Amino acid sequence: MDAIQVNDLTKRYGGFKAVDHISFSVVEGEIFGFLGPNGSGKSTTIRMLTGIVKPDEGTAAIMGHDIVKDSIRARESIGFVPEMANAYVELTAWRNLMFMGDLYGIPRSERERRASDLLKRFGLYERRDNQVRGFSKGMRQRLLLCMALINDPPVLILDEPTSGLDVESSRLIKEVIRELNRAGTTVFLTTHNIEDASQLCERVAIINRGVIIAVDRPEALRQAGSALYCIEVSFSRSVDERELSDIPSVREVMKFGDKLRLYVDDIDMAITSIVDYARIHNMKILALTTLAPSLEDIFVRLTHKTGAE
């Protein structure tokens, strides 16, 4: 069964379509990335999936429960960590979890057991009786994950889970996401960090201007962007970038420090031409590397293309 099923989901604000008839599915047990620039429709999609706003057209279901017709069961099936959320800072970590568990109607003894397990898993158990006011951003983010998981949901929705975190906290959050997924939790996450998506997600959807422009595995998207292959080269002395632009099959030249990156149509032809160029100008090639397109390259290319339209 699909953990999340979306069909022609649409949301308008006046005459503006924030989300325009999008369709996708998230397989039960996978980590699914939802990527897009600011204003692309990511947040509006999440608000519809979590029941904060109602769609104007289309349908969506969480674990088979329609988000409009069976909204209570749909909400009970998810744990949600919004990007701008915060725990109650005047309460302790323990009281925050007890309060959240009470909202879900979880019996007290079960609440206490789950809270203890979660706080230990996220490294917060020793601070359970401290007010959240004194927690760092990374600690608060971990506590928010605990609160989202207190009802043991099959689907976890995370909006920018590592945004603004230090390297250590970000690494911990990503490892917890992997651990939860290995235990069977389906994870749906939005992120601006393309590297996070590449490391975590089995599939990603890219949305721009309210329209989904690609859904695939990260590696498949890279292969589809074969035209973005490039050559990175460093010469023994400075060269005129305009001269390299005239080399056959080179479409664009960009400078990165003491290296030049050449985006090409034919790698073999370009390498032969670069070697000839160095020989004619009596230069040595200090380094030459071919680079496959990153997920970020694909993201920028696709969103720029649809933005131009």
Protein backbone atom coordinates (compact mmCIF):
# COMPACT_ATOMS: atom_id res chain seq x y z
CA MET A 1 0.00 0.00 0.00
CA ASP A 2 1.14 3.57 -0.68
CA ALA A 3 1.76 5.52 2.52
CA ILE A 4 0.86 8.77 0.73
CA GLN A 5 -1.25 9.01 -2.42
CA VAL A 6 -1.83 12.37 -4.10
CA ASN A 7 -4.00 12.91 -7.18
CA ASP A 8 -4.51 16.28 -8.93
CA LEU A 9 -4.10 18.17 -5.65
CA THR A 10 -4.71 21.88 -6.15
CA LYS A 11 -4.77 24.97 -3.94
CA ARG A 12 -5.61 28.52 -4.99
CA TYR A 13 -5.21 31.79 -3.14
CA GLY A 14 -7.39 34.22 -5.04
CA GLY A 15 -6.31 33.99 -8.68
CA PHE A 16 -2.93 32.46 -7.76
CA LYS A 17 -2.42 28.68 -8.00
CA ALA A 18 0.01 27.80 -5.23
CA VAL A 19 -0.28 24.09 -6.10
CA ASP A 20 -1.47 23.12 -9.56
CA HIS A 21 -2.93 19.60 -10.02
CA ILE A 22 0.04 17.68 -8.63
CA SER A 23 0.10 13.88 -8.42
CA PHE A 24 2.62 11.54 -6.78
CA SER A 25 2.77 8.59 -4.42
CA VAL A 26 5.07 7.63 -1.56
CA VAL A 27 5.64 3.91 -1.12
CA GLU A 28 5.25 2.57 2.39
CA GLY A 29 8.67 2.30 4.03
CA GLU A 30 10.62 4.73 1.81
CA ILE A 31 12.29 8.08 2.41
CA PHE A 32 10.80 10.50 -0.11
CA GLY A 33 12.23 13.95 -0.76
CA PHE A 34 10.10 16.92 -1.84
CA LEU A 35 12.36 19.61 -3.29
CA GLY A 36 11.76 23.05 -4.69
CA PRO A 37 12.85 26.69 -4.45
CA ASN A 38 11.14 29.17 -2.13
CA GLY A 39 7.56 29.80 -3.23
CA SER A 40 7.42 26.61 -5.27
CA GLY A 41 4.43 25.08 -3.43
CA LYS A 42 6.23 22.80 -0.96
CA SER A 43 4.78 24.34 2.19
CA THR A 44 1.26 24.55 0.75
CA THR A 45 1.43 20.86 -0.18
CA ILE A 46 2.47 19.95 3.36
CA ARG A 47 -0.30 22.08 4.85
CA MET A 48 -2.83 20.17 2.78
CA LEU A 49 -1.38 16.76 3.63
CA THR A 50 -1.40 17.57 7.36
CA GLY A 51 -4.94 18.97 7.33
CA ILE A 52 -4.02 22.59 8.04
CA VAL A 53 -5.66 23.81 4.83
CA LYS A 54 -8.18 22.11 2.56
CA PRO A 55 -7.45 21.51 -1.12
CA ASP A 56 -9.63 23.21 -3.72
CA GLU A 57 -9.41 20.24 -6.09
CA GLY A 58 -8.01 16.73 -6.12
CA THR A 59 -7.55 14.15 -3.41
CA ALA A 60 -4.87 12.85 -1.07
CA ALA A 61 -4.72 9.97 1.39
CA ILE A 62 -2.39 9.06 4.25
CA MET A 63 -2.21 5.29 4.86
CA GLY A 64 -5.45 4.96 2.92
CA HIS A 65 -7.30 7.67 4.89
CA ASP A 66 -8.60 10.59 2.82
CA ILE A 67 -7.27 13.89 4.18
CA VAL A 68 -10.72 15.54 3.88
CA LYS A 69 -13.28 12.76 4.28
CA ASP A 70 -11.35 10.89 6.98
CA SER A 71 -9.20 13.71 8.31
CA ILE A 72 -8.94 12.49 11.92
CA ARG A 73 -7.60 9.06 10.95
CA ALA A 74 -5.27 10.66 8.40
CA ARG A 75 -3.83 13.01 11.03
CA GLU A 76 -3.43 10.15 13.52
CA SER A 77 -1.28 8.38 10.92
CA ILE A 78 1.37 11.10 10.77
CA GLY A 79 3.98 12.73 12.94
CA PHE A 80 4.73 16.25 11.75
CA VAL A 81 7.65 18.59 12.41
CA PRO A 82 7.08 22.00 10.74
CA GLU A 83 10.11 24.13 9.88
CA MET A 84 9.16 27.01 12.18
CA ALA A 85 7.71 24.94 15.05
CA ASN A 86 8.91 25.12 18.61
CA ALA A 87 8.24 23.20 21.79
CA TYR A 88 6.68 24.94 24.79
CA VAL A 89 9.77 26.63 26.20
CA GLU A 90 8.33 27.16 29.70
CA LEU A 91 7.75 23.41 30.07
CA THR A 92 10.34 20.69 30.59
CA ALA A 93 11.12 18.20 27.84
CA TRP A 94 9.19 15.57 29.80
CA ARG A 95 6.11 17.77 30.21
CA ASN A 96 6.13 18.60 26.50
CA LEU A 97 5.96 14.91 25.67
CA MET A 98 3.30 14.20 28.29
CA PHE A 99 1.17 17.04 26.90
CA MET A 100 1.54 15.83 23.31
CA GLY A 101 0.75 12.24 24.28
CA ASP A 102 -2.35 13.43 26.13
CA LEU A 103 -3.56 15.23 22.97
CA TYR A 104 -3.40 11.90 21.15
CA GLY A 105 -5.31 10.18 23.96
CA ILE A 106 -2.44 7.85 24.84
CA PRO A 107 -2.85 6.24 28.31
CA ARG A 108 -0.47 7.69 30.90
CA SER A 109 1.61 4.55 31.46
CA GLU A 110 2.11 4.14 27.69
CA ARG A 111 2.92 7.85 27.35
CA GLU A 112 5.63 7.55 30.01
CA ARG A 113 7.13 4.45 28.41
CA ARG A 114 7.25 6.01 24.95
CA ALA A 115 8.60 9.32 26.29
CA SER A 116 11.43 7.56 28.14
CA ASP A 117 12.35 5.51 25.06
CA LEU A 118 12.30 8.53 22.75
CA LEU A 119 14.31 10.80 25.02
CA LYS A 120 16.95 8.10 25.43
CA ARG A 121 17.09 7.48 21.68
CA PHE A 122 17.57 11.20 20.97
CA GLY A 123 20.10 11.78 23.75
CA LEU A 124 17.82 14.00 25.82
CA TYR A 125 16.92 11.75 28.75
CA GLU A 126 19.37 13.38 31.14
CA ARG A 127 17.79 16.76 30.36
CA ARG A 128 14.17 15.59 30.63
CA ASP A 129 13.46 17.74 33.71
CA ASN A 130 15.01 20.92 32.26
CA GLN A 131 12.95 23.70 30.76
CA VAL A 132 13.17 23.79 26.96
CA ARG A 133 14.03 27.50 27.21
CA GLY A 134 17.64 26.52 27.89
CA PHE A 135 17.94 24.05 25.00
CA SER A 136 20.07 24.70 21.93
CA LYS A 137 18.40 24.70 18.49
CA GLY A 138 19.68 21.20 17.82
CA MET A 139 18.26 19.92 21.12
CA ARG A 140 14.91 21.57 20.41
CA GLN A 141 14.81 19.95 16.97
CA ARG A 142 15.44 16.56 18.53
CA LEU A 143 12.70 17.19 21.08
CA LEU A 144 10.29 18.14 18.27
CA LEU A 145 11.03 14.82 16.64
CA CYS A 146 10.27 13.08 19.94
CA MET A 147 6.95 14.93 20.12
CA ALA A 148 6.11 13.98 16.53
CA LEU A 149 6.83 10.32 17.28
CA ILE A 150 5.01 10.02 20.61
CA ASN A 151 1.93 8.54 18.89
CA ASP A 152 4.12 5.99 17.04
CA PRO A 153 2.99 7.17 13.56
CA PRO A 154 3.63 5.10 10.41
CA VAL A 155 4.37 8.29 8.44
CA LEU A 156 6.73 11.08 9.50
CA ILE A 157 6.53 14.43 7.67
CA LEU A 158 9.54 16.70 8.15
CA ASP A 159 9.77 20.25 6.84
CA GLU A 160 13.43 21.30 6.51
CA PRO A 161 14.57 19.08 9.44
CA THR A 162 18.25 20.17 9.35
CA SER A 163 17.76 23.86 8.51
CA GLY A 164 20.02 26.11 10.58
CA LEU A 165 21.58 23.27 12.57
CA ASP A 166 25.28 22.85 13.28
CA VAL A 167 27.11 20.00 11.55
CA GLU A 168 26.95 17.65 14.54
CA SER A 169 23.21 18.14 15.14
CA SER A 170 22.48 17.83 11.42
CA ARG A 171 24.40 14.56 11.24
CA LEU A 172 22.51 13.21 14.26
CA ILE A 173 19.12 14.14 12.80
CA LYS A 174 19.98 12.41 9.51
CA GLU A 175 21.11 9.28 11.30
CA VAL A 176 17.89 9.23 13.35
CA ILE A 177 15.87 9.56 10.12
CA ARG A 178 17.71 6.54 8.67
CA GLU A 179 17.19 4.59 11.90
CA LEU A 180 13.46 5.35 11.98
CA ASN A 181 13.17 4.33 8.35
CA ARG A 182 15.00 1.05 8.97
CA ALA A 183 12.43 0.39 11.70
CA GLY A 184 9.63 0.79 9.13
CA THR A 185 8.65 4.47 9.31
CA THR A 186 7.83 6.16 6.01
CA VAL A 187 9.56 9.56 5.84
CA PHE A 188 8.40 12.49 3.70
CA LEU A 189 10.77 15.43 3.90
CA THR A 190 11.21 18.79 2.28
CA THR A 191 14.68 20.27 2.16
CA HIS A 192 16.68 23.04 0.53
CA ASN A 193 19.80 20.96 1.15
CA ILE A 194 20.28 18.96 -2.04
CA GLU A 195 23.09 16.95 -0.48
CA ASP A 196 20.77 15.82 2.34
CA ALA A 197 18.23 14.63 -0.24
CA SER A 198 20.93 12.81 -2.18
CA GLN A 199 22.16 11.03 0.95
CA LEU A 200 18.79 10.18 2.47
CA CYS A 201 16.12 9.77 -0.20
CA GLU A 202 15.25 6.76 -2.31
CA ARG A 203 13.15 9.00 -4.57
CA VAL A 204 12.62 12.72 -4.91
CA ALA A 205 9.98 14.97 -6.45
CA ILE A 206 10.95 18.42 -7.70
CA ILE A 207 8.23 21.06 -7.63
CA ASN A 208 8.43 24.54 -9.15
CA ARG A 209 5.72 27.18 -9.50
CA GLY A 210 3.18 24.75 -8.09
CA VAL A 211 3.88 22.04 -10.68
CA ILE A 212 5.84 18.81 -10.22
CA ILE A 213 8.51 18.72 -12.92
CA ALA A 214 10.26 15.45 -12.02
CA VAL A 215 9.81 12.38 -9.82
CA ASP A 216 12.56 9.76 -9.80
CA ARG A 217 15.49 8.25 -7.95
CA PRO A 218 18.36 10.71 -7.46
CA GLU A 219 20.74 8.60 -9.56
CA ALA A 220 18.20 8.29 -12.38
CA LEU A 221 17.84 12.07 -12.42
CA ARG A 222 21.60 12.41 -12.66
CA GLN A 223 21.70 9.98 -15.60
CA ALA A 224 18.91 11.91 -17.31
CA GLY A 225 21.04 15.02 -17.00
CA SER A 226 23.96 13.56 -18.93
CA ALA A 227 24.19 16.79 -20.95
CA LEU A 228 25.44 18.44 -17.76
CA TYR A 229 28.64 16.38 -17.69
CA CYS A 230 31.65 18.65 -17.47
CA ILE A 231 35.43 18.67 -17.48
CA GLU A 232 37.40 20.38 -14.73
CA VAL A 233 40.90 21.36 -15.82
CA SER A 234 43.85 23.25 -14.37
CA PHE A 235 46.70 24.58 -16.51
CA SER A 236 50.27 25.56 -15.58
CA ARG A 237 49.41 29.22 -16.17
CA SER A 238 46.37 31.45 -16.54
CA VAL A 239 44.33 31.17 -19.73
CA ASP A 240 41.68 33.25 -21.44
CA GLU A 241 38.27 31.69 -20.70
CA ARG A 242 36.94 33.04 -24.01
CA GLU A 243 39.47 30.98 -25.93
CA LEU A 244 38.31 27.80 -24.22
CA SER A 245 34.71 28.68 -25.08
CA ASP A 246 35.67 28.33 -28.75
CA ILE A 247 36.81 24.71 -28.32
CA PRO A 248 34.51 22.30 -30.22
CA SER A 249 31.60 20.85 -28.15
CA VAL A 250 32.16 23.28 -25.23
CA ARG A 251 28.92 25.05 -24.30
CA GLU A 252 29.98 27.02 -21.23
CA VAL A 253 33.13 27.78 -19.23
CA MET A 254 33.11 28.71 -15.54
CA LYS A 255 36.02 29.55 -13.26
CA PHE A 256 36.43 27.85 -9.85
CA GLY A 257 39.55 29.17 -8.13
CA ASP A 258 42.54 28.08 -10.20
CA LYS A 259 40.41 25.57 -12.11
CA LEU A 260 38.14 25.92 -15.10
CA ARG A 261 34.95 23.92 -15.50
CA LEU A 262 33.88 23.24 -19.08
CA TYR A 263 30.32 22.05 -19.73
CA VAL A 264 30.46 19.98 -22.90
CA ASP A 265 28.33 18.03 -25.36
CA ASP A 266 31.00 15.45 -26.21
CA ILE A 267 33.53 14.61 -23.49
CA ASP A 268 35.96 12.69 -25.74
CA MET A 269 36.08 15.45 -28.35
CA ALA A 270 36.49 18.13 -25.70
CA ILE A 271 39.37 16.33 -23.93
CA THR A 272 41.22 15.92 -27.25
CA SER A 273 40.71 19.61 -28.00
CA ILE A 274 41.90 20.66 -24.50
CA VAL A 275 45.09 18.61 -24.90
CA ASP A 276 45.67 20.20 -28.32
CA TYR A 277 45.03 23.67 -26.85
CA ALA A 278 47.62 23.11 -24.10
CA ARG A 279 50.20 21.81 -26.60
CA ILE A 280 49.70 24.72 -29.02
CA HIS A 281 50.05 27.26 -26.20
CA ASN A 282 53.04 25.46 -24.67
CA MET A 283 51.27 24.74 -21.35
CA LYS A 284 51.06 21.75 -19.06
CA ILE A 285 47.76 20.28 -17.86
CA LEU A 286 48.16 20.02 -14.09
CA ALA A 287 44.83 18.26 -13.50
CA LEU A 288 41.91 17.10 -15.62
CA THR A 289 38.80 15.46 -14.22
CA THR A 290 35.43 14.56 -15.71
CA LEU A 291 32.49 15.28 -13.40
CA ALA A 292 29.04 13.72 -13.50
CA PRO A 293 26.14 16.09 -12.79
CA SER A 294 25.15 16.37 -9.15
CA LEU A 295 21.56 16.35 -7.95
CA GLU A 296 21.99 20.09 -7.37
CA ASP A 297 22.94 20.56 -11.06
CA ILE A 298 19.76 18.75 -12.09
CA PHE A 299 17.66 20.73 -9.60
CA VAL A 300 19.01 24.08 -10.83
CA ARG A 301 18.59 23.10 -14.47
CA LEU A 302 14.99 21.91 -14.09
CA THR A 303 13.80 24.78 -11.90
CA HIS A 304 15.55 27.35 -14.10
CA LYS A 305 13.95 25.83 -17.20
CA THR A 306 10.41 25.95 -15.82
CA GLY A 307 11.02 29.38 -14.29
CA ALA A 308 12.01 30.73 -17.69
CA GLU A 309 8.80 29.49 -19.17
